[in-house]
Amino acid sequence: MNLYDQQQSNRRKTWLVMLAFVAFFLFLGIGFDTFYIGAHGGAVPIGSAIALGVGSVSAAASYFSGDRAVLLSTQAQPVEDLAAGATADDRLKLRQLQNVVDEMAIASGLPRPKVYVVPDADPNAFATGRDPAHASLAVTRGLLDILDREELQGVVAHEISHVRNLDVRVMTIVAALVGAVALLADWARRGMMWGGGFRRSRDRSSSDDERGGGLAGIIFFAVWLIAVLLAPLLAQLLAMMVSRGREYLADASGAELTRNPLGLARALEKIESAAAPTPTINRGTAHLCIADPLGRPMNLREGAWANLFASHPPMAARIAALKEMAFERK
């Protein structure tokens, strides 16, 4: 798949992801109205209206301001603000970061993204934003401390490739919507517990049985209940599947920008050797990072099971692919 095919695919996936989340919210709301509001004899679809409103607003907010929410959640600070009060040594590192971002933006033909630093000792990086004109790039303090210029250039090129491929649009929206899914599912669970929905739905299903509609009602209730209980897990799985396949392409695109695959390969080796997790980056935004900030063992594996539950491909496989690009095998 070339760059333009990838961009077009990501545009389609962006709208499909948002529509899927809105539809899922609406499904939760319809179930709530059926088994809770309806059990009291109410006819106003309160749950459906709330769910549709929350889903639509969340989708729109994630599209237009999901990047700001991600940056806020990681405590990222603009590099210019940090440089103003930094020591001479720190200013040198921050200036090098700015120079490298300028170089890679020129090489990619994109506008220069806003640059942030996350105050965390673990080396990591991510990009966010809905398009190249509204993109931001963040690196951790630990990354600046352990990488040389060529390695930093490789990491920055990797993240700018995510921006150029429009990967950040899909991944940022998913990151913002995952939290909304978990919140709405929690509301639905609490409503069932407070309203005695399980007992009323069974009573209602029994009366429906007499009218011949009980089986359909029981099946719908079972599916709805499973969706409520598994909503946070399903949202996380979607986030993982969205991000995993994109890392190889971003590695290759980044190497194309720098003409130096070994720079990124060495950077990934150093990132991989840092065993500590990145505490400032939470589970909802982990799929945005160049390496899994949570240090989950599943990301060391390959295969169908790992494709479902791992947010990143194995680092060893990525490093090997980069070395093959440079005709270096080890």
Foldseek 3Di string as FASTA:
>chain_A
DDLVVLLVVLVVLLVVVLVVLLVLLLLLLVLLCVLFVVLVVDDDSPSNVVSNVLSVVLSVCLQQPLVVVQCVLLVWDFLVVQLVPDDPVVVVLSVLLVVLQVLLCVLLVAPRATETERAWLAWWKFKAHQARVHIYIYTYPNLSVPADSLLSSLQSQLRVSCRSSRLRNNLSSLLSSLVSQLVSLVVSVVSCVVRVSVVSLVVVLVVVVVVVCNVVSVVSNVVSVVCSVCRSVVSLLVSLLSQAVCLLVSLVSSCVSSVQLVSNLVSLVVSVVRQAAGVSRDSSNQLRMNDRRVNDPLQQDDDDVSSRVPNYHHSVVSSQVSCVVVVHHD
